[in-house]
Amino acid sequence: MPDTRVFDLIVEHTREVIPELEGHRFAPSDSLRDLGANSIDRAEIIVMTLESLSVSIPLVELADAKNMGELADLIHDKSAV
């Protein structure tokens, strides 16, 4: 189970970047790519999340995340939030 705080921030920023997903019910298994986020959208969502947490993690360290849950876990683990 991903860290809830980080996951919730990812969801919040995903809705900001892709307003069409406002009514979507997000799950940790959701892939940003499958939800329609292009590479620029994904980078923006991640940067916004990192800024909200006041942490700095190179994006390349987060590239292996296959879904939103894994992304939340990686951010949480690397930032010690």
PDB file of N, CA and C in Angstrom:
ATOM      1  N   MET A   1       0.855  -1.192   0.000  1.00  0.00           N
ATOM      2  CA  MET A   1       0.000   0.000   0.000  1.00  0.00           C
ATOM      3  C   MET A   1       0.885   1.234   0.000  1.00  0.00           C
ATOM      4  N   PRO A   2       0.653   2.163  -0.908  1.00  0.00           N
ATOM      5  CA  PRO A   2       1.503   3.344  -0.960  1.00  0.00           C
ATOM      6  C   PRO A   2       1.242   4.278   0.214  1.00  0.00           C
ATOM      7  N   ASP A   3       2.202   5.144   0.459  1.00  0.00           N
ATOM      8  CA  ASP A   3       2.023   6.166   1.475  1.00  0.00           C
ATOM      9  C   ASP A   3       0.829   7.033   1.068  1.00  0.00           C
ATOM     10  N   THR A   4      -0.144   7.156   1.919  1.00  0.00           N
ATOM     11  CA  THR A   4      -1.393   7.841   1.588  1.00  0.00           C
ATOM     12  C   THR A   4      -1.183   9.323   1.300  1.00  0.00           C
ATOM     13  N   ARG A   5      -0.357   9.981   2.080  1.00  0.00           N
ATOM     14  CA  ARG A   5      -0.134  11.426   1.884  1.00  0.00           C
ATOM     15  C   ARG A   5       0.472  11.698   0.511  1.00  0.00           C
ATOM     16  N   VAL A   6       1.496  10.933   0.161  1.00  0.00           N
ATOM     17  CA  VAL A   6       2.157  11.130  -1.133  1.00  0.00           C
ATOM     18  C   VAL A   6       1.201  10.750  -2.266  1.00  0.00           C
ATOM     19  N   PHE A   7       0.507   9.636  -2.118  1.00  0.00           N
ATOM     20  CA  PHE A   7      -0.440   9.203  -3.145  1.00  0.00           C
ATOM     21  C   PHE A   7      -1.515  10.265  -3.363  1.00  0.00           C
ATOM     22  N   ASP A   8      -2.051  10.812  -2.280  1.00  0.00           N
ATOM     23  CA  ASP A   8      -3.084  11.845  -2.392  1.00  0.00           C
ATOM     24  C   ASP A   8      -2.568  13.090  -3.114  1.00  0.00           C
ATOM     25  N   LEU A   9      -1.312  13.455  -2.886  1.00  0.00           N
ATOM     26  CA  LEU A   9      -0.725  14.589  -3.593  1.00  0.00           C
ATOM     27  C   LEU A   9      -0.585  14.292  -5.080  1.00  0.00           C
ATOM     28  N   ILE A  10      -0.170  13.074  -5.403  1.00  0.00           N
ATOM     29  CA  ILE A  10      -0.051  12.686  -6.811  1.00  0.00           C
ATOM     30  C   ILE A  10      -1.422  12.781  -7.485  1.00  0.00           C
ATOM     31  N   VAL A  11      -2.449  12.291  -6.823  1.00  0.00           N
ATOM     32  CA  VAL A  11      -3.813  12.366  -7.368  1.00  0.00           C
ATOM     33  C   VAL A  11      -4.231  13.829  -7.556  1.00  0.00           C
ATOM     34  N   GLU A  12      -3.991  14.654  -6.551  1.00  0.00           N
ATOM     35  CA  GLU A  12      -4.365  16.073  -6.628  1.00  0.00           C
ATOM     36  C   GLU A  12      -3.695  16.749  -7.828  1.00  0.00           C
ATOM     37  N   HIS A  13      -2.411  16.502  -7.996  1.00  0.00           N
ATOM     38  CA  HIS A  13      -1.679  17.144  -9.088  1.00  0.00           C
ATOM     39  C   HIS A  13      -2.044  16.537 -10.444  1.00  0.00           C
ATOM     40  N   THR A  14      -2.390  15.273 -10.469  1.00  0.00           N
ATOM     41  CA  THR A  14      -2.839  14.653 -11.717  1.00  0.00           C
ATOM     42  C   THR A  14      -4.129  15.314 -12.177  1.00  0.00           C
ATOM     43  N   ARG A  15      -5.030  15.578 -11.248  1.00  0.00           N
ATOM     44  CA  ARG A  15      -6.289  16.246 -11.596  1.00  0.00           C
ATOM     45  C   ARG A  15      -6.058  17.677 -12.066  1.00  0.00           C
ATOM     46  N   GLU A  16      -5.033  18.344 -11.524  1.00  0.00           N
ATOM     47  CA  GLU A  16      -4.714  19.701 -11.970  1.00  0.00           C
ATOM     48  C   GLU A  16      -4.167  19.693 -13.394  1.00  0.00           C
ATOM     49  N   VAL A  17      -3.298  18.741 -13.681  1.00  0.00           N
ATOM     50  CA  VAL A  17      -2.638  18.680 -14.986  1.00  0.00           C
ATOM     51  C   VAL A  17      -3.569  18.109 -16.052  1.00  0.00           C
ATOM     52  N   ILE A  18      -4.423  17.151 -15.663  1.00  0.00           N
ATOM     53  CA  ILE A  18      -5.350  16.516 -16.604  1.00  0.00           C
ATOM     54  C   ILE A  18      -6.766  16.655 -16.043  1.00  0.00           C
ATOM     55  N   PRO A  19      -7.399  17.810 -16.264  1.00  0.00           N
ATOM     56  CA  PRO A  19      -8.718  18.085 -15.685  1.00  0.00           C
ATOM     57  C   PRO A  19      -9.794  17.069 -16.077  1.00  0.00           C
ATOM     58  N   GLU A  20      -9.610  16.385 -17.207  1.00  0.00           N
ATOM     59  CA  GLU A  20     -10.606  15.399 -17.637  1.00  0.00           C
ATOM     60  C   GLU A  20     -10.730  14.241 -16.634  1.00  0.00           C
ATOM     61  N   LEU A  21      -9.745  14.091 -15.758  1.00  0.00           N
ATOM     62  CA  LEU A  21      -9.759  12.995 -14.779  1.00  0.00           C
ATOM     63  C   LEU A  21     -10.400  13.407 -13.455  1.00  0.00           C
ATOM     64  N   GLU A  22     -11.053  14.554 -13.424  1.00  0.00           N
ATOM     65  CA  GLU A  22     -11.651  15.054 -12.179  1.00  0.00           C
ATOM     66  C   GLU A  22     -12.560  14.025 -11.521  1.00  0.00           C
ATOM     67  N   GLY A  23     -13.351  13.317 -12.292  1.00  0.00           N
ATOM     68  CA  GLY A  23     -14.284  12.349 -11.723  1.00  0.00           C
ATOM     69  C   GLY A  23     -13.718  10.945 -11.584  1.00  0.00           C
ATOM     70  N   HIS A  24     -12.485  10.742 -12.019  1.00  0.00           N
ATOM     71  CA  HIS A  24     -11.877   9.408 -11.974  1.00  0.00           C
ATOM     72  C   HIS A  24     -11.574   9.003 -10.537  1.00  0.00           C
ATOM     73  N   ARG A  25     -11.853   7.750 -10.225  1.00  0.00           N
ATOM     74  CA  ARG A  25     -11.504   7.229  -8.909  1.00  0.00           C
ATOM     75  C   ARG A  25     -10.142   6.548  -9.029  1.00  0.00           C
ATOM     76  N   PHE A  26      -9.141   7.175  -8.473  1.00  0.00           N
ATOM     77  CA  PHE A  26      -7.765   6.705  -8.604  1.00  0.00           C
ATOM     78  C   PHE A  26      -7.481   5.522  -7.701  1.00  0.00           C
ATOM     79  N   ALA A  27      -6.648   4.612  -8.209  1.00  0.00           N
ATOM     80  CA  ALA A  27      -6.188   3.451  -7.459  1.00  0.00           C
ATOM     81  C   ALA A  27      -4.673   3.402  -7.574  1.00  0.00           C
ATOM     82  N   PRO A  28      -3.997   2.829  -6.582  1.00  0.00           N
ATOM     83  CA  PRO A  28      -2.540   2.727  -6.641  1.00  0.00           C
ATOM     84  C   PRO A  28      -2.041   2.005  -7.894  1.00  0.00           C
ATOM     85  N   SER A  29      -2.862   1.143  -8.464  1.00  0.00           N
ATOM     86  CA  SER A  29      -2.451   0.386  -9.651  1.00  0.00           C
ATOM     87  C   SER A  29      -2.593   1.187 -10.943  1.00  0.00           C
ATOM     88  N   ASP A  30      -3.169   2.398 -10.874  1.00  0.00           N
ATOM     89  CA  ASP A  30      -3.321   3.235 -12.060  1.00  0.00           C
ATOM     90  C   ASP A  30      -1.960   3.692 -12.575  1.00  0.00           C
ATOM     91  N   SER A  31      -1.813   3.648 -13.882  1.00  0.00           N
ATOM     92  CA  SER A  31      -0.606   4.142 -14.543  1.00  0.00           C
ATOM     93  C   SER A  31      -0.920   5.520 -15.116  1.00  0.00           C
ATOM     94  N   LEU A  32      -0.060   6.487 -14.834  1.00  0.00           N
ATOM     95  CA  LEU A  32      -0.273   7.828 -15.386  1.00  0.00           C
ATOM     96  C   LEU A  32      -0.314   7.780 -16.902  1.00  0.00           C
ATOM     97  N   ARG A  33       0.533   6.968 -17.496  1.00  0.00           N
ATOM     98  CA  ARG A  33       0.553   6.838 -18.960  1.00  0.00           C
ATOM     99  C   ARG A  33      -0.787   6.305 -19.461  1.00  0.00           C
ATOM    100  N   ASP A  34      -1.303   5.252 -18.811  1.00  0.00           N
ATOM    101  CA  ASP A  34      -2.580   4.670 -19.231  1.00  0.00           C
ATOM    102  C   ASP A  34      -3.753   5.628 -19.028  1.00  0.00           C
ATOM    103  N   LEU A  35      -3.602   6.561 -18.100  1.00  0.00           N
ATOM    104  CA  LEU A  35      -4.649   7.552 -17.848  1.00  0.00           C
ATOM    105  C   LEU A  35      -4.594   8.712 -18.838  1.00  0.00           C
ATOM    106  N   GLY A  36      -3.604   8.688 -19.737  1.00  0.00           N
ATOM    107  CA  GLY A  36      -3.517   9.706 -20.770  1.00  0.00           C
ATOM    108  C   GLY A  36      -2.473  10.786 -20.543  1.00  0.00           C
ATOM    109  N   ALA A  37      -1.644  10.615 -19.517  1.00  0.00           N
ATOM    110  CA  ALA A  37      -0.604  11.607 -19.248  1.00  0.00           C
ATOM    111  C   ALA A  37       0.590  11.356 -20.166  1.00  0.00           C
ATOM    112  N   ASN A  38       0.948  12.369 -20.956  1.00  0.00           N
ATOM    113  CA  ASN A  38       2.140  12.227 -21.784  1.00  0.00           C
ATOM    114  C   ASN A  38       3.381  12.474 -20.924  1.00  0.00           C
ATOM    115  N   SER A  39       4.559  12.394 -21.515  1.00  0.00           N
ATOM    116  CA  SER A  39       5.789  12.505 -20.733  1.00  0.00           C
ATOM    117  C   SER A  39       5.918  13.865 -20.036  1.00  0.00           C
ATOM    118  N   ILE A  40       5.467  14.920 -20.693  1.00  0.00           N
ATOM    119  CA  ILE A  40       5.522  16.245 -20.074  1.00  0.00           C
ATOM    120  C   ILE A  40       4.549  16.327 -18.906  1.00  0.00           C
ATOM    121  N   ASP A  41       3.347  15.788 -19.088  1.00  0.00           N
ATOM    122  CA  ASP A  41       2.354  15.759 -18.004  1.00  0.00           C
ATOM    123  C   ASP A  41       2.914  15.001 -16.800  1.00  0.00           C
ATOM    124  N   ARG A  42       3.506  13.835 -17.067  1.00  0.00           N
ATOM    125  CA  ARG A  42       4.026  13.006 -15.970  1.00  0.00           C
ATOM    126  C   ARG A  42       5.128  13.738 -15.208  1.00  0.00           C
ATOM    127  N   ALA A  43       6.031  14.384 -15.950  1.00  0.00           N
ATOM    128  CA  ALA A  43       7.106  15.136 -15.296  1.00  0.00           C
ATOM    129  C   ALA A  43       6.532  16.277 -14.460  1.00  0.00           C
ATOM    130  N   GLU A  44       5.534  16.965 -15.000  1.00  0.00           N
ATOM    131  CA  GLU A  44       4.918  18.070 -14.273  1.00  0.00           C
ATOM    132  C   GLU A  44       4.233  17.592 -12.989  1.00  0.00           C
ATOM    133  N   ILE A  45       3.532  16.477 -13.070  1.00  0.00           N
ATOM    134  CA  ILE A  45       2.859  15.908 -11.894  1.00  0.00           C
ATOM    135  C   ILE A  45       3.886  15.560 -10.818  1.00  0.00           C
ATOM    136  N   ILE A  46       4.973  14.943 -11.232  1.00  0.00           N
ATOM    137  CA  ILE A  46       6.007  14.535 -10.268  1.00  0.00           C
ATOM    138  C   ILE A  46       6.683  15.757  -9.659  1.00  0.00           C
ATOM    139  N   VAL A  47       7.038  16.736 -10.478  1.00  0.00           N
ATOM    140  CA  VAL A  47       7.698  17.940  -9.968  1.00  0.00           C
ATOM    141  C   VAL A  47       6.773  18.677  -9.000  1.00  0.00           C
ATOM    142  N   MET A  48       5.504  18.796  -9.342  1.00  0.00           N
ATOM    143  CA  MET A  48       4.548  19.465  -8.452  1.00  0.00           C
ATOM    144  C   MET A  48       4.449  18.728  -7.114  1.00  0.00           C
ATOM    145  N   THR A  49       4.455  17.398  -7.173  1.00  0.00           N
ATOM    146  CA  THR A  49       4.380  16.594  -5.946  1.00  0.00           C
ATOM    147  C   THR A  49       5.627  16.800  -5.100  1.00  0.00           C
ATOM    148  N   LEU A  50       6.803  16.761  -5.734  1.00  0.00           N
ATOM    149  CA  LEU A  50       8.050  16.957  -4.995  1.00  0.00           C
ATOM    150  C   LEU A  50       8.101  18.349  -4.375  1.00  0.00           C
ATOM    151  N   GLU A  51       7.643  19.360  -5.121  1.00  0.00           N
ATOM    152  CA  GLU A  51       7.621  20.722  -4.584  1.00  0.00           C
ATOM    153  C   GLU A  51       6.667  20.832  -3.392  1.00  0.00           C
ATOM    154  N   SER A  52       5.538  20.164  -3.463  1.00  0.00           N
ATOM    155  CA  SER A  52       4.582  20.194  -2.353  1.00  0.00           C
ATOM    156  C   SER A  52       5.174  19.590  -1.089  1.00  0.00           C
ATOM    157  N   LEU A  53       6.051  18.619  -1.276  1.00  0.00           N
ATOM    158  CA  LEU A  53       6.689  17.953  -0.139  1.00  0.00           C
ATOM    159  C   LEU A  53       8.009  18.614   0.258  1.00  0.00           C
ATOM    160  N   SER A  54       8.424  19.617  -0.506  1.00  0.00           N
ATOM    161  CA  SER A  54       9.704  20.302  -0.286  1.00  0.00           C
ATOM    162  C   SER A  54      10.880  19.334  -0.286  1.00  0.00           C
ATOM    163  N   VAL A  55      10.873  18.428  -1.260  1.00  0.00           N
ATOM    164  CA  VAL A  55      11.974  17.483  -1.404  1.00  0.00           C
ATOM    165  C   VAL A  55      12.543  17.577  -2.819  1.00  0.00           C
ATOM    166  N   SER A  56      13.787  17.160  -2.936  1.00  0.00           N
ATOM    167  CA  SER A  56      14.452  17.173  -4.233  1.00  0.00           C
ATOM    168  C   SER A  56      14.963  15.766  -4.527  1.00  0.00           C
ATOM    169  N   ILE A  57      14.372  15.155  -5.538  1.00  0.00           N
ATOM    170  CA  ILE A  57      14.768  13.819  -5.975  1.00  0.00           C
ATOM    171  C   ILE A  57      14.937  13.888  -7.490  1.00  0.00           C
ATOM    172  N   PRO A  58      16.086  13.455  -8.011  1.00  0.00           N
ATOM    173  CA  PRO A  58      16.237  13.447  -9.470  1.00  0.00           C
ATOM    174  C   PRO A  58      15.143  12.592 -10.117  1.00  0.00           C
ATOM    175  N   LEU A  59      14.528  13.104 -11.173  1.00  0.00           N
ATOM    176  CA  LEU A  59      13.430  12.389 -11.826  1.00  0.00           C
ATOM    177  C   LEU A  59      13.860  11.007 -12.310  1.00  0.00           C
ATOM    178  N   VAL A  60      15.123  10.864 -12.685  1.00  0.00           N
ATOM    179  CA  VAL A  60      15.608   9.573 -13.171  1.00  0.00           C
ATOM    180  C   VAL A  60      15.485   8.489 -12.090  1.00  0.00           C
ATOM    181  N   GLU A  61      15.530   8.879 -10.826  1.00  0.00           N
ATOM    182  CA  GLU A  61      15.396   7.915  -9.726  1.00  0.00           C
ATOM    183  C   GLU A  61      13.958   7.427  -9.560  1.00  0.00           C
ATOM    184  N   LEU A  62      13.019   8.094 -10.212  1.00  0.00           N
ATOM    185  CA  LEU A  62      11.613   7.722 -10.100  1.00  0.00           C
ATOM    186  C   LEU A  62      11.093   7.057 -11.369  1.00  0.00           C
ATOM    187  N   ALA A  63      11.960   6.901 -12.357  1.00  0.00           N
ATOM    188  CA  ALA A  63      11.558   6.418 -13.679  1.00  0.00           C
ATOM    189  C   ALA A  63      11.085   4.968 -13.692  1.00  0.00           C
ATOM    190  N   ASP A  64      11.490   4.168 -12.720  1.00  0.00           N
ATOM    191  CA  ASP A  64      11.123   2.751 -12.716  1.00  0.00           C
ATOM    192  C   ASP A  64       9.725   2.470 -12.164  1.00  0.00           C
ATOM    193  N   ALA A  65       9.057   3.488 -11.634  1.00  0.00           N
ATOM    194  CA  ALA A  65       7.714   3.291 -11.084  1.00  0.00           C
ATOM    195  C   ALA A  65       6.753   2.898 -12.207  1.00  0.00           C
ATOM    196  N   LYS A  66       6.053   1.792 -12.014  1.00  0.00           N
ATOM    197  CA  LYS A  66       5.133   1.285 -13.033  1.00  0.00           C
ATOM    198  C   LYS A  66       3.721   1.840 -12.875  1.00  0.00           C
ATOM    199  N   ASN A  67       3.410   2.342 -11.676  1.00  0.00           N
ATOM    200  CA  ASN A  67       2.074   2.871 -11.428  1.00  0.00           C
ATOM    201  C   ASN A  67       2.136   3.931 -10.324  1.00  0.00           C
ATOM    202  N   MET A  68       1.002   4.509 -10.022  1.00  0.00           N
ATOM    203  CA  MET A  68       0.960   5.596  -9.047  1.00  0.00           C
ATOM    204  C   MET A  68       1.326   5.140  -7.641  1.00  0.00           C
ATOM    205  N   GLY A  69       0.983   3.924  -7.303  1.00  0.00           N
ATOM    206  CA  GLY A  69       1.337   3.390  -5.988  1.00  0.00           C
ATOM    207  C   GLY A  69       2.840   3.239  -5.831  1.00  0.00           C
ATOM    208  N   GLU A  70       3.485   2.694  -6.861  1.00  0.00           N
ATOM    209  CA  GLU A  70       4.942   2.549  -6.818  1.00  0.00           C
ATOM    210  C   GLU A  70       5.623   3.911  -6.785  1.00  0.00           C
ATOM    211  N   LEU A  71       5.079   4.870  -7.536  1.00  0.00           N
ATOM    212  CA  LEU A  71       5.631   6.218  -7.530  1.00  0.00           C
ATOM    213  C   LEU A  71       5.539   6.828  -6.134  1.00  0.00           C
ATOM    214  N   ALA A  72       4.393   6.681  -5.498  1.00  0.00           N
ATOM    215  CA  ALA A  72       4.213   7.199  -4.135  1.00  0.00           C
ATOM    216  C   ALA A  72       5.197   6.543  -3.177  1.00  0.00           C
ATOM    217  N   ASP A  73       5.370   5.231  -3.299  1.00  0.00           N
ATOM    218  CA  ASP A  73       6.318   4.521  -2.429  1.00  0.00           C
ATOM    219  C   ASP A  73       7.745   5.015  -2.640  1.00  0.00           C
ATOM    220  N   LEU A  74       8.137   5.172  -3.906  1.00  0.00           N
ATOM    221  CA  LEU A  74       9.495   5.644  -4.205  1.00  0.00           C
ATOM    222  C   LEU A  74       9.735   7.042  -3.641  1.00  0.00           C
ATOM    223  N   ILE A  75       8.787   7.932  -3.856  1.00  0.00           N
ATOM    224  CA  ILE A  75       8.931   9.296  -3.341  1.00  0.00           C
ATOM    225  C   ILE A  75       9.000   9.264  -1.824  1.00  0.00           C
ATOM    226  N   HIS A  76       8.141   8.498  -1.204  1.00  0.00           N
ATOM    227  CA  HIS A  76       8.128   8.398   0.243  1.00  0.00           C
ATOM    228  C   HIS A  76       9.456   7.855   0.771  1.00  0.00           C
ATOM    229  N   ASP A  77       9.927   6.777   0.172  1.00  0.00           N
ATOM    230  CA  ASP A  77      11.163   6.145   0.636  1.00  0.00           C
ATOM    231  C   ASP A  77      12.384   7.042   0.439  1.00  0.00           C
ATOM    232  N   LYS A  78      12.432   7.752  -0.681  1.00  0.00           N
ATOM    233  CA  LYS A  78      13.596   8.591  -0.975  1.00  0.00           C
ATOM    234  C   LYS A  78      13.573   9.937  -0.258  1.00  0.00           C
ATOM    235  N   SER A  79      12.408  10.335   0.205  1.00  0.00           N
ATOM    236  CA  SER A  79      12.310  11.645   0.869  1.00  0.00           C
ATOM    237  C   SER A  79      12.164  11.517   2.372  1.00  0.00           C
ATOM    238  N   ALA A  80      11.879  10.316   2.857  1.00  0.00           N
ATOM    239  CA  ALA A  80      11.659  10.087   4.288  1.00  0.00           C
ATOM    240  C   ALA A  80      10.597  11.035   4.825  1.00  0.00           C
ATOM    241  N   VAL A  81       9.489  11.161   4.062  1.00  0.00           N
ATOM    242  CA  VAL A  81       8.370  12.035   4.455  1.00  0.00           C
ATOM    243  C   VAL A  81       7.674  11.430   5.647  1.00  0.00           C
TER     244      VAL A  81
END
